[in-house]
Protein backbone atom coordinates (compact mmCIF):
# COMPACT_ATOMS: atom_id res chain seq x y z
CA MET A 1 -0.02 0.01 -0.01
CA ALA A 2 1.31 3.44 -0.92
CA PRO A 3 2.16 5.91 1.81
CA SER A 4 0.01 8.98 2.40
CA THR A 5 1.51 11.42 -0.06
CA LYS A 6 0.92 15.06 -1.10
CA ILE A 7 1.46 15.35 -4.85
CA THR A 8 2.10 18.48 -6.85
CA SER A 9 3.08 18.77 -10.51
CA PHE A 10 3.52 21.52 -13.06
CA SER A 11 5.00 22.18 -16.52
CA LEU A 12 5.78 25.25 -18.67
CA ALA A 13 6.70 25.33 -22.33
CA LYS A 14 9.77 27.25 -23.40
CA GLY A 15 9.66 30.80 -24.78
CA LYS A 16 6.38 31.58 -26.47
CA GLU A 17 5.66 27.94 -27.35
CA LEU A 18 2.05 26.80 -26.77
CA ARG A 19 3.00 23.20 -26.18
CA SER A 20 5.87 21.55 -24.28
CA ASP A 21 7.81 18.55 -25.48
CA ASP A 22 7.88 17.41 -21.80
CA THR A 23 5.23 14.93 -20.70
CA TYR A 24 4.44 13.91 -17.15
CA ASP A 25 1.88 11.86 -15.24
CA VAL A 26 1.21 10.61 -11.70
CA LEU A 27 -0.94 7.56 -11.03
CA ALA A 28 -2.17 5.88 -7.82
CA ALA A 29 -2.80 2.26 -8.78
CA ASP A 30 -3.08 -0.93 -6.68
CA ASP A 31 -1.84 0.83 -3.55
CA GLN A 32 1.22 2.26 -5.33
CA ILE A 33 2.13 5.69 -6.66
CA ILE A 34 3.83 5.89 -10.05
CA ALA A 35 5.29 9.21 -11.28
CA ILE A 36 6.97 9.86 -14.64
CA VAL A 37 8.69 12.76 -16.36
CA CYS A 38 9.77 12.41 -19.99
CA ASP A 39 11.60 15.19 -21.84
CA GLY A 40 11.36 14.86 -25.62
CA VAL A 41 14.73 15.58 -27.21
CA GLY A 42 14.40 19.02 -28.77
CA SER A 43 16.70 18.31 -31.67
CA ALA A 44 14.67 15.31 -32.70
CA ILE A 45 11.60 15.75 -34.98
CA GLY A 46 9.49 13.34 -32.95
CA GLY A 47 10.76 14.27 -29.48
CA GLY A 48 7.41 15.51 -28.18
CA GLU A 49 5.56 12.53 -29.63
CA ALA A 50 8.10 10.17 -28.09
CA SER A 51 7.66 11.64 -24.64
CA MET A 52 3.85 11.27 -24.86
CA LYS A 53 4.06 7.69 -26.11
CA ALA A 54 6.56 6.71 -23.39
CA VAL A 55 4.38 8.05 -20.57
CA SER A 56 1.19 6.55 -22.03
CA HIS A 57 2.67 3.08 -22.53
CA ILE A 58 4.34 2.92 -19.10
CA MET A 59 1.19 4.05 -17.27
CA SER A 60 -0.90 1.51 -19.19
CA GLY A 61 1.61 -1.17 -18.32
CA PHE A 62 1.26 -0.48 -14.63
CA LYS A 63 -2.52 -0.72 -14.86
CA THR A 64 -2.45 -4.12 -16.59
CA ARG A 65 0.74 -5.62 -15.17
CA PRO A 66 0.96 -9.28 -14.08
CA LYS A 67 0.34 -9.38 -10.32
CA THR A 68 3.23 -11.78 -9.73
CA TRP A 69 5.89 -9.50 -11.25
CA SER A 70 8.22 -7.63 -8.97
CA ILE A 71 8.45 -3.89 -9.44
CA GLU A 72 12.07 -4.16 -10.65
CA LYS A 73 11.09 -6.70 -13.32
CA LEU A 74 8.09 -4.61 -14.37
CA VAL A 75 10.07 -1.39 -14.68
CA SER A 76 12.84 -3.05 -16.71
CA ALA A 77 10.35 -4.84 -19.01
CA MET A 78 8.31 -1.72 -19.69
CA ILE A 79 11.36 0.47 -20.42
CA GLU A 80 12.64 -2.12 -22.87
CA THR A 81 9.19 -2.39 -24.49
CA VAL A 82 8.74 1.38 -24.81
CA ASN A 83 12.25 1.75 -26.20
CA SER A 84 11.49 -0.86 -28.86
CA ILE A 85 8.21 0.84 -29.78
CA LEU A 86 9.86 4.23 -30.16
CA TYR A 87 12.78 2.87 -32.16
CA ASN A 88 10.66 0.79 -34.56
CA THR A 89 8.07 3.55 -35.02
CA SER A 90 10.82 6.07 -35.74
CA GLN A 91 12.43 3.83 -38.31
CA ALA A 92 9.12 3.22 -40.02
CA LYS A 93 8.11 6.88 -39.96
CA TYR A 94 11.39 8.70 -40.53
CA ASN A 95 13.84 5.93 -41.54
CA ARG A 96 16.10 7.17 -38.74
CA GLU A 97 16.16 7.81 -34.99
CA GLU A 98 13.83 10.81 -34.46
CA MET A 99 11.54 9.68 -31.62
CA LEU A 100 13.81 10.31 -28.72
CA THR A 101 13.06 11.12 -25.09
CA THR A 102 14.57 11.02 -21.64
CA LEU A 103 12.89 9.30 -18.70
CA ALA A 104 12.64 9.77 -14.93
CA LEU A 105 10.40 7.24 -13.18
CA VAL A 106 9.63 6.43 -9.55
CA VAL A 107 7.33 3.94 -7.87
CA LEU A 108 6.31 4.27 -4.21
CA ASP A 109 5.24 1.00 -2.66
CA GLY A 110 4.84 1.27 1.10
CA ASN A 111 8.14 2.53 2.49
CA ARG A 112 10.08 1.42 -0.61
CA LEU A 113 11.15 3.74 -3.39
CA TYR A 114 11.96 2.26 -6.78
CA GLY A 115 13.40 4.51 -9.50
CA ALA A 116 14.80 4.48 -13.01
CA ASN A 117 16.16 7.10 -15.35
CA ILE A 118 17.54 7.46 -18.88
CA GLY A 119 19.11 10.71 -20.03
CA ASP A 120 19.28 13.87 -17.87
CA SER A 121 15.80 14.08 -16.36
CA ALA A 122 16.59 13.89 -12.67
CA ILE A 123 15.26 12.34 -9.45
CA PHE A 124 16.07 13.88 -6.04
CA LEU A 125 15.29 12.85 -2.46
CA TYR A 126 15.16 15.59 0.21
CA ARG A 127 15.63 14.31 3.78
CA GLU A 128 16.43 16.19 6.99
CA GLY A 129 17.60 19.31 5.26
CA VAL A 130 19.76 17.58 2.63
CA LEU A 131 18.95 17.16 -1.08
CA HIS A 132 20.28 13.87 -2.48
CA LYS A 133 20.47 13.15 -6.19
CA LEU A 134 19.35 9.56 -6.76
CA SER A 135 19.40 9.44 -10.55
CA ASN A 136 22.39 9.18 -12.84
CA ASP A 137 22.73 11.64 -15.73
CA HIS A 138 23.64 10.07 -19.08
CA VAL A 139 25.65 12.94 -20.56
CA MET A 140 29.14 13.38 -21.92
CA ASP A 141 31.82 13.74 -19.29
CA LYS A 142 33.71 16.50 -21.10
CA SER A 143 33.91 20.20 -20.46
CA GLY A 144 31.61 22.09 -22.82
CA TYR A 145 29.63 19.00 -23.76
CA GLU A 146 27.74 18.49 -20.46
CA ASN A 147 24.33 18.81 -22.18
CA VAL A 148 25.10 16.20 -24.83
CA LEU A 149 23.14 13.05 -24.05
CA THR A 150 24.82 9.66 -24.26
CA LYS A 151 21.67 7.62 -23.69
CA VAL A 152 17.97 8.21 -24.46
CA LEU A 153 14.89 6.16 -25.12
CA GLY A 154 14.38 5.31 -28.80
CA ALA A 155 17.95 5.79 -30.03
CA LYS A 156 18.92 2.15 -30.25
CA LYS A 157 17.20 -1.23 -30.51
CA SER A 158 17.96 -1.86 -26.82
CA VAL A 159 18.57 0.37 -23.83
CA GLU A 160 19.71 -0.16 -20.29
CA ALA A 161 18.23 2.22 -17.73
CA TYR A 162 19.80 3.26 -14.43
CA ILE A 163 17.60 1.49 -11.87
CA PHE A 164 17.79 1.91 -8.11
CA GLU A 165 15.87 1.11 -4.91
CA ASN A 166 15.76 2.91 -1.56
CA PHE A 167 13.42 3.56 1.31
CA VAL A 168 11.29 6.53 2.30
CA THR A 169 10.22 7.84 5.65
CA VAL A 170 7.80 10.44 6.93
CA GLY A 171 8.90 13.96 5.93
CA ASP A 172 10.79 12.87 2.82
CA LYS A 173 10.22 14.85 -0.41
CA ILE A 174 10.90 13.37 -3.85
CA LEU A 175 11.46 15.60 -6.88
CA LEU A 176 11.31 14.45 -10.51
CA CYS A 177 12.17 17.07 -13.12
CA SER A 178 13.34 17.73 -16.63
CA ASP A 179 16.69 19.39 -17.22
CA GLY A 180 14.93 22.67 -17.79
CA LEU A 181 14.60 22.92 -14.03
CA THR A 182 18.04 21.73 -13.02
CA ASN A 183 19.66 24.01 -15.59
CA SER A 184 17.74 26.97 -14.19
CA LEU A 185 17.90 26.52 -10.41
CA THR A 186 20.90 25.56 -8.30
CA LEU A 187 20.82 22.60 -5.89
CA GLN A 188 20.61 25.05 -3.05
CA GLU A 189 17.62 26.78 -4.56
CA LEU A 190 15.94 23.44 -5.16
CA SER A 191 16.61 22.37 -1.59
CA GLU A 192 15.41 25.63 0.02
CA ASN A 193 12.21 25.88 -2.05
CA LEU A 194 11.18 22.24 -2.52
CA HIS A 195 8.61 22.54 0.30
CA MET A 196 6.68 25.05 -1.79
CA GLY A 197 5.83 22.38 -4.36
CA ALA A 198 6.22 21.81 -8.10
CA THR A 199 4.37 24.92 -9.33
CA ALA A 200 6.50 27.27 -7.29
CA LEU A 201 9.73 25.65 -8.45
CA VAL A 202 8.84 25.86 -12.15
CA LYS A 203 7.61 29.44 -11.88
CA MET A 204 10.75 30.38 -10.00
CA ALA A 205 12.81 29.02 -12.86
CA SER A 206 10.66 30.91 -15.35
CA ALA A 207 11.07 34.16 -13.40
CA LYS A 208 14.88 33.92 -13.75
CA TYR A 209 14.42 34.33 -17.51
CA ASP A 210 11.76 37.02 -17.27
CA HIS A 211 9.20 34.33 -18.06
CA ASP A 212 10.84 33.45 -21.32
CA LEU A 213 12.22 29.97 -20.53
CA PRO A 214 14.99 28.65 -22.84
CA ASP A 215 13.76 25.07 -22.35
CA ASP A 216 10.61 23.20 -21.45
CA THR A 217 10.51 22.87 -17.68
CA THR A 218 8.59 20.23 -15.63
CA ALA A 219 8.54 19.13 -12.01
CA ILE A 220 6.71 16.60 -9.82
CA VAL A 221 7.01 16.76 -6.05
CA LEU A 222 5.91 13.87 -3.79
CA GLU A 223 5.82 14.67 -0.09
CA ILE A 224 5.55 11.67 2.27
CA ASN A 225 3.15 12.45 5.13
CA ALA A 226 2.65 8.95 6.60
CA ILE A 227 3.71 5.36 6.05
CA ASP A 228 0.71 3.02 6.23
CA GLU A 229 0.42 0.31 8.88
CA ILE A 230 -0.03 -2.51 6.41
CA THR A 231 3.35 -1.80 4.85
CA GLN A 232 5.06 -1.65 8.22
CA LEU A 233 3.53 -5.01 9.17
CA LYS A 234 4.68 -6.56 5.88
CA LYS A 235 8.24 -5.38 6.31
CA GLN A 236 8.68 -6.87 9.77
CA LYS A 237 11.17 -9.77 9.81
CA LEU A 238 9.21 -12.42 11.72
CA ILE A 239 9.44 -16.18 11.99
CA ILE A 240 6.73 -18.31 10.38
CA PRO A 241 7.01 -21.72 12.12
CA GLU A 242 6.78 -24.77 9.88
CA HIS A 243 5.25 -26.96 12.63
CA LEU A 244 3.31 -26.06 15.78
CA HIS A 245 2.80 -28.40 18.73
CA ALA A 246 0.84 -28.37 21.97
CA GLY A 247 3.27 -27.22 24.67
CA ASP A 248 5.20 -24.83 22.40
CA THR A 249 5.70 -21.39 23.92
CA ILE A 250 5.81 -18.37 21.57
CA ASP A 251 6.34 -14.87 23.04
CA GLY A 252 4.93 -16.10 26.34
CA TYR A 253 1.87 -17.74 24.81
CA LEU A 254 1.59 -21.48 25.68
CA LEU A 255 -0.07 -23.37 22.83
CA LYS A 256 -2.73 -25.68 24.25
CA GLU A 257 -4.69 -27.19 21.34
CA PRO A 258 -5.25 -26.53 17.64
CA LEU A 259 -8.60 -25.05 16.60
CA SER A 260 -8.31 -25.59 12.86
CA GLN A 261 -7.64 -28.61 10.72
CA ASN A 262 -4.47 -27.10 9.23
CA GLN A 263 -3.20 -26.45 12.77
CA ARG A 264 -2.48 -22.74 12.12
CA THR A 265 -5.07 -21.48 14.66
CA TRP A 266 -4.39 -22.31 18.31
CA LEU A 267 -5.97 -21.91 21.74
CA ALA A 268 -3.19 -20.41 23.84
CA GLN A 269 -2.69 -19.19 27.35
CA LYS A 270 -0.63 -16.30 28.72
CA ASP A 271 -0.74 -14.97 32.29
CA SER A 272 -3.62 -17.38 33.04
CA LYS A 273 -5.72 -15.90 30.28
CA ASN A 274 -6.90 -17.82 27.21
CA SER A 275 -6.45 -16.31 23.78
CA VAL A 276 -6.53 -17.58 20.16
CA LEU A 277 -3.37 -17.22 18.06
CA LYS A 278 -3.61 -17.38 14.24
CA PHE A 279 -0.49 -18.01 12.13
CA PRO A 280 -0.10 -17.80 8.37
CA LEU A 281 0.47 -20.93 6.29
CA TYR A 282 4.06 -22.04 6.19
CA PHE A 283 6.03 -21.68 2.99
CA GLU A 284 9.65 -22.63 2.29
CA GLU A 285 10.59 -19.70 0.06
CA ASP A 286 9.57 -16.08 0.18
CA ASP A 287 5.95 -15.84 -0.89
CA SER A 288 4.82 -12.21 -0.86
CA LEU A 289 1.22 -13.21 -1.67
CA VAL A 290 0.92 -15.31 1.54
CA ILE A 291 2.36 -12.44 3.59
CA ASP A 292 0.22 -9.85 1.87
CA ASN A 293 -3.01 -11.82 2.43
CA PHE A 294 -2.25 -12.62 6.06
CA VAL A 295 -1.21 -9.06 6.92
CA LYS A 296 -4.34 -7.72 5.28
CA GLU A 297 -6.45 -10.23 7.28
CA ALA A 298 -4.75 -9.25 10.53
CA TRP A 299 -5.09 -5.53 9.82
CA ASN A 300 -8.77 -5.83 8.96
CA ALA A 301 -9.43 -7.95 12.03
CA LYS A 302 -7.73 -5.36 14.20
CA ARG A 303 -9.42 -2.25 12.75
CA LEU A 304 -12.92 -3.68 12.25
CA GLN A 305 -13.83 -3.68 15.91
CA ALA A 306 -17.58 -4.24 16.51
CA GLU A 307 -19.78 -6.42 18.68
CA PHE A 308 -20.06 -8.97 15.85
CA PHE A 309 -16.37 -9.89 15.93
CA PRO A 310 -13.84 -11.09 18.55
CA LYS A 311 -11.41 -8.43 19.69
CA VAL A 312 -8.04 -8.64 17.92
CA THR A 313 -4.60 -7.32 18.74
CA ILE A 314 -1.27 -7.44 16.92
CA PRO A 315 1.48 -7.39 19.58
CA ASP A 316 4.18 -4.80 18.99
CA GLU A 317 6.94 -7.05 20.28
CA ARG A 318 6.63 -10.28 18.30
CA THR A 319 9.25 -12.75 17.23
CA HIS A 320 6.80 -14.77 15.08
CA ARG A 321 4.13 -13.75 12.61
CA TYR A 322 0.67 -14.14 14.18
CA TYR A 323 -2.19 -12.12 15.56
CA VAL A 324 -4.18 -12.58 18.78
CA MET A 325 -7.96 -12.93 19.11
CA GLU A 326 -9.97 -13.00 22.30
CA SER A 327 -11.09 -16.52 23.17
CA ILE A 328 -14.82 -16.88 22.73
CA GLU A 329 -16.63 -19.44 24.86
CA GLY A 330 -19.00 -21.42 22.65
CA VAL A 331 -19.30 -23.72 19.67
CA THR A 332 -19.52 -23.03 15.99
CA LEU A 333 -22.98 -23.05 14.46
CA LYS A 334 -21.81 -25.95 12.30
CA GLU A 335 -21.05 -28.08 15.38
CA TYR A 336 -24.30 -27.04 17.00
CA LEU A 337 -26.33 -28.09 13.94
CA LYS A 338 -24.94 -31.63 14.11
CA LYS A 339 -27.13 -32.16 17.16
CA GLN A 340 -30.07 -29.84 16.77
CA ARG A 341 -31.57 -26.99 14.73
CA LEU A 342 -31.90 -23.38 15.71
CA GLY A 343 -35.18 -22.14 17.02
CA ILE A 344 -37.24 -19.52 15.18
CA GLU A 345 -36.33 -16.62 17.50
CA GLU A 346 -32.67 -17.65 17.53
CA SER A 347 -32.65 -17.77 13.72
CA ILE A 348 -34.18 -14.32 13.49
CA LEU A 349 -31.43 -13.02 15.86
CA LEU A 350 -28.80 -14.73 13.73
CA ALA A 351 -30.15 -13.12 10.56
CA LYS A 352 -30.21 -9.68 12.14
CA THR A 353 -26.64 -10.13 13.44
CA LEU A 354 -25.33 -11.17 9.99
CA LEU A 355 -27.17 -8.35 8.23
CA ARG A 356 -25.99 -5.68 10.68
CA MET A 357 -22.44 -7.04 10.31
CA GLY A 358 -22.90 -6.58 6.57
CA GLN A 359 -24.08 -2.99 7.08
CA PHE A 360 -21.04 -2.29 9.29
CA LEU A 361 -18.61 -3.67 6.72
CA ILE A 362 -20.14 -1.88 3.81
CA LYS A 363 -19.42 1.46 5.51
CA HIS A 364 -15.79 0.49 4.87
CA ASP A 365 -16.62 -0.60 1.30
CA LEU A 366 -16.06 -4.24 2.40
CA VAL A 367 -17.91 -7.54 2.56
CA HIS A 368 -17.17 -10.63 4.71
CA GLY A 369 -16.83 -12.92 1.71
CA ASP A 370 -17.29 -16.27 3.52
CA ILE A 371 -20.51 -16.31 5.55
CA LYS A 372 -21.26 -19.87 6.65
CA PRO A 373 -22.03 -21.78 9.91
CA GLU A 374 -18.32 -22.69 10.41
CA ASN A 375 -17.56 -18.97 10.77
CA ILE A 376 -20.26 -18.30 13.36
CA ILE A 377 -19.76 -18.98 17.05
CA ILE A 378 -22.84 -19.43 19.29
CA THR A 379 -22.30 -17.71 22.66
CA SER A 380 -24.34 -17.65 25.83
CA HIS A 381 -24.39 -14.87 28.42
CA ASP A 382 -26.75 -14.98 31.36
CA GLY A 383 -28.82 -17.58 29.55
CA ALA A 384 -29.20 -15.39 26.41
CA ILE A 385 -27.83 -16.73 23.15
CA GLY A 386 -25.63 -14.61 20.90
CA PHE A 387 -23.46 -14.88 17.84
CA LYS A 388 -19.92 -13.91 16.94
CA ILE A 389 -18.56 -13.94 13.37
CA ILE A 390 -15.03 -15.08 12.85
CA ASP A 391 -12.49 -15.56 10.05
CA LEU A 392 -11.95 -12.22 8.32
CA GLY A 393 -9.43 -13.86 6.00
CA ASN A 394 -11.78 -13.44 3.03
CA VAL A 395 -12.85 -9.88 3.72
CA THR A 396 -12.68 -8.09 0.40
CA GLU A 397 -13.75 -4.88 -1.32
CA ILE A 398 -17.38 -4.81 -2.43
CA PHE A 399 -17.86 -5.19 -6.15
CA SER A 400 -14.49 -6.97 -6.46
CA ILE A 401 -14.47 -9.11 -9.61
CA ASP A 402 -11.30 -11.04 -8.93
CA SER A 403 -12.12 -12.24 -5.40
CA THR A 404 -12.05 -16.01 -4.81
CA ALA A 405 -13.63 -15.59 -1.41
CA GLY A 406 -16.37 -17.92 -0.31
CA THR A 407 -17.37 -21.59 0.09
CA PRO A 408 -19.15 -23.22 -2.88
CA SER A 409 -22.28 -24.37 -1.06
CA TYR A 410 -22.95 -20.80 0.09
CA LEU A 411 -21.97 -18.92 -3.05
CA ALA A 412 -24.61 -17.09 -5.08
CA PRO A 413 -25.11 -18.46 -8.62
CA GLU A 414 -23.73 -15.32 -10.21
CA ARG A 415 -20.42 -15.70 -8.36
CA PHE A 416 -19.84 -18.98 -10.33
CA ASN A 417 -20.03 -16.87 -13.53
CA GLY A 418 -17.40 -14.42 -12.40
CA GLU A 419 -19.72 -11.59 -11.45
CA ALA A 420 -18.72 -9.06 -8.77
CA ILE A 421 -19.25 -9.81 -5.10
CA SER A 422 -22.07 -7.59 -3.79
CA GLU A 423 -24.69 -7.09 -1.08
CA GLY A 424 -26.96 -9.38 -3.11
CA SER A 425 -24.42 -12.21 -3.22
CA GLU A 426 -23.71 -11.80 0.52
CA ILE A 427 -27.45 -11.90 1.25
CA PHE A 428 -27.58 -15.22 -0.66
CA SER A 429 -24.91 -16.64 1.72
CA ILE A 430 -26.88 -15.36 4.72
CA GLY A 431 -30.05 -17.02 3.37
CA VAL A 432 -28.33 -20.37 2.79
CA THR A 433 -26.97 -20.18 6.36
CA LEU A 434 -30.50 -19.51 7.71
CA TYR A 435 -31.99 -22.33 5.64
CA GLU A 436 -29.34 -24.77 6.98
CA ALA A 437 -29.81 -23.54 10.56
CA LEU A 438 -33.60 -24.09 10.45
CA CYS A 439 -33.79 -27.12 8.11
CA GLY A 440 -30.51 -28.98 8.61
CA LYS A 441 -29.88 -29.06 4.86
CA TYR A 442 -28.49 -26.97 2.04
CA PRO A 443 -31.31 -25.48 -0.11
CA TYR A 444 -29.45 -26.43 -3.36
CA GLY A 445 -27.52 -29.42 -2.02
CA GLU A 446 -23.83 -29.54 -1.16
CA ILE A 447 -21.63 -28.06 -3.87
CA GLU A 448 -18.07 -29.34 -4.21
CA PRO A 449 -15.16 -27.16 -5.27
CA PHE A 450 -14.74 -26.94 -9.10
CA GLN A 451 -18.29 -28.27 -9.53
CA LYS A 452 -20.54 -26.58 -12.08
CA PRO A 453 -23.77 -26.38 -10.05
CA THR A 454 -27.36 -26.08 -11.22
CA PHE A 455 -29.83 -24.13 -9.18
CA THR A 456 -33.28 -25.71 -9.40
CA GLN A 457 -36.14 -24.55 -7.26
CA PRO A 458 -35.39 -25.54 -3.60
CA LYS A 459 -37.92 -27.00 -1.24
CA ARG A 460 -39.74 -24.40 0.83
CA PRO A 461 -38.24 -24.22 4.35
CA GLN A 462 -41.75 -24.96 5.76
CA GLU A 463 -41.69 -28.36 4.04
CA ARG A 464 -38.61 -29.28 6.09
CA ASN A 465 -39.55 -27.50 9.32
CA GLU A 466 -43.24 -26.97 10.03
CA ASN A 467 -42.45 -24.54 12.85
CA ILE A 468 -41.29 -21.90 10.36
CA PRO A 469 -43.97 -19.16 10.00
CA SER A 470 -45.06 -18.31 6.48
CA TRP A 471 -43.52 -14.83 6.54
CA LEU A 472 -40.07 -16.21 7.49
CA ASP A 473 -40.48 -18.94 4.87
CA ASN A 474 -41.02 -16.26 2.21
CA LEU A 475 -38.15 -14.14 3.52
CA ILE A 476 -35.65 -17.03 3.34
CA LEU A 477 -36.78 -18.01 -0.17
CA ARG A 478 -36.37 -14.43 -1.36
CA SER A 479 -32.87 -14.25 0.13
CA ILE A 480 -31.75 -17.41 -1.71
CA ALA A 481 -33.41 -16.72 -5.06
CA SER A 482 -31.13 -17.99 -7.77
CA ASN A 483 -32.07 -14.97 -9.93
CA PRO A 484 -30.47 -11.84 -8.44
CA ALA A 485 -33.39 -9.77 -9.72
CA SER A 486 -35.76 -11.69 -7.46
CA ARG A 487 -33.48 -11.52 -4.43
CA TYR A 488 -33.16 -8.84 -1.72
CA LYS A 489 -30.89 -6.18 -3.14
CA ASN A 490 -29.60 -4.75 0.10
CA TYR A 491 -29.28 -5.52 3.83
CA THR A 492 -31.61 -2.68 4.84
CA HIS A 493 -34.65 -4.15 3.00
CA MET A 494 -34.12 -7.60 4.51
CA ILE A 495 -33.72 -6.21 8.02
CA TYR A 496 -36.95 -4.22 7.56
CA ASP A 497 -38.83 -7.39 6.62
CA LEU A 498 -37.35 -9.23 9.65
CA GLU A 499 -38.63 -6.47 11.91
CA ASN A 500 -41.98 -6.14 10.15
CA PRO A 501 -43.28 -9.62 9.37
CA GLN A 502 -46.61 -8.26 8.14
CA ALA A 503 -44.78 -6.46 5.34
CA VAL A 504 -43.19 -9.62 3.91
CA LEU A 505 -44.67 -10.38 0.50
CA PRO A 506 -45.28 -13.96 -0.66
CA PHE A 507 -42.43 -15.41 -2.69
CA TYR A 508 -43.02 -17.85 -5.53
CA GLY A 509 -40.39 -19.69 -7.49
CA THR A 510 -40.42 -20.02 -11.25
CA ASN A 511 -41.85 -23.56 -10.93
CA THR A 512 -44.68 -22.62 -8.56
CA PRO A 513 -48.08 -23.53 -10.08
CA LEU A 514 -50.26 -20.60 -11.02
CA PHE A 515 -52.96 -21.68 -8.50
CA GLU A 516 -50.43 -21.31 -5.67
CA ARG A 517 -49.24 -17.93 -6.88
CA ILE A 518 -52.65 -16.27 -7.12
CA PRO A 519 -55.17 -18.53 -5.36
CA VAL A 520 -57.64 -15.73 -4.66
CA LYS A 521 -57.76 -14.62 -8.28
CA ILE A 522 -58.08 -18.25 -9.44
CA ALA A 523 -60.96 -18.79 -6.99
CA GLN A 524 -62.67 -15.58 -8.21
CA TYR A 525 -62.30 -16.55 -11.85
CA GLY A 526 -63.53 -20.05 -11.02
CA LEU A 527 -66.63 -18.69 -9.26
CA VAL A 528 -67.44 -16.44 -12.23
CA ILE A 529 -67.02 -19.35 -14.63
CA MET A 530 -69.21 -21.61 -12.48
CA ILE A 531 -72.00 -18.97 -12.30
CA PHE A 532 -71.79 -18.51 -16.06
CA ILE A 533 -72.08 -22.31 -16.67
CA ASN A 534 -74.98 -22.55 -14.23
CA LEU A 535 -76.77 -19.73 -16.02
CA ILE A 536 -76.40 -21.51 -19.34
CA LEU A 537 -77.72 -24.77 -17.84
CA LEU A 538 -80.65 -22.92 -16.29
CA ALA A 539 -81.52 -21.27 -19.57
CA LYS A 540 -81.56 -24.65 -21.34
CA LEU A 541 -83.86 -26.12 -18.67
CA LEU A 542 -86.28 -23.26 -19.10
């Protein structure tokens, strides 16, 4: 995740020109910040076009990049690709090298700074009163020829950029600029005025020439205001144990018994108090995806504090990678249902709890992603039953289209077709959970992973449990409708129906006979027909 960053950018064309050959862009994408400055070589016919193409292709590459690629690999690959495009286009268009541009590029990813440059567009880092030049100018090392470039994009079939990596901290300022700025302002002037932002720097350079700049001048300033917690958690060097055993002690926590089949969640005790420790899956080599997912899960569990969830902490002084949950006394709903079903009032309470959890998460633009009885703990306090929802490992952004969150038997039909996760698909999972809690069965049968399910009309809950009132029967059927258009669209509507049973409308599936759908109308029509027939018979008799 990118740090909290103030971004300013500005560009002026030289002299009385209406358009600059410099091109720049800044993009926040996938929790990263990408900034680029390209300075089209003025002596080349296609310099301005080259700078625009380079920025456009690189930004497009970041938006569509393979998720498994490292930033270093991505930067190198994109620079080589853009160079090839410029070179080949130039040869086809001019039969010589005319589409030439410099490049200064940085990527901010958490507290890491990745950079690359070709030519004399520069990258600086200002820290604690000192301006450091991070880029490497590709110019001739000879007096009088300092502005002659030795390397640019598009000049040869292949190019090798200067690529570097560093770290950033709160208060750092990063400057990317074309040589129009560095040729106009001294390092001291840059250092003393960087805090004013990109616009002030470029206008200061322009003022030196009575606003008649000899060269196009561009600047981008990135000011680091905060480093996000997720990134700090990712960067911690912590042990991930391959095996865990009862009796192991980790940071003062005594592991007592595993609570999950994969033995990565443990009941533990510290200072005579029970807690639950959750560890990530073990992997032999560095697997950033495992770390990313686990850190995101831990961070969500910690920040999403509400009565629906166990309290979570992430100890500051850890030697191993785990997070700590409060120990909840109770059994999972799945275990409970092996012996008995939930009562009507208990099921209504469960539905309200799950729906209000959904409303809470949606305020953060999130959904749980894996609602099912295994992730619900039944609690008891002073004889009153309650519910806690666990496992925030699948929490994801609402409307995500690439989420694999969920368990097949509880997934809405549209999720099998790659549609976005939504309130409607979460309501389907809630409905299946209610159906199972009251009836002891899945409405559409058990669905195995990788199975292509069919969703035929399920049995009405009342047919499996005669205690279910008609209004609740209709509510559950509407929540598990295979057609999203027939299902509750949002949590609020379903909560309203739970609290106002008289408002619940009858729900009929596609296979429901017409007589069952509109029995009153059918009876009325039948009565009219019978009267008409009797009148005809009476007329014949007379």
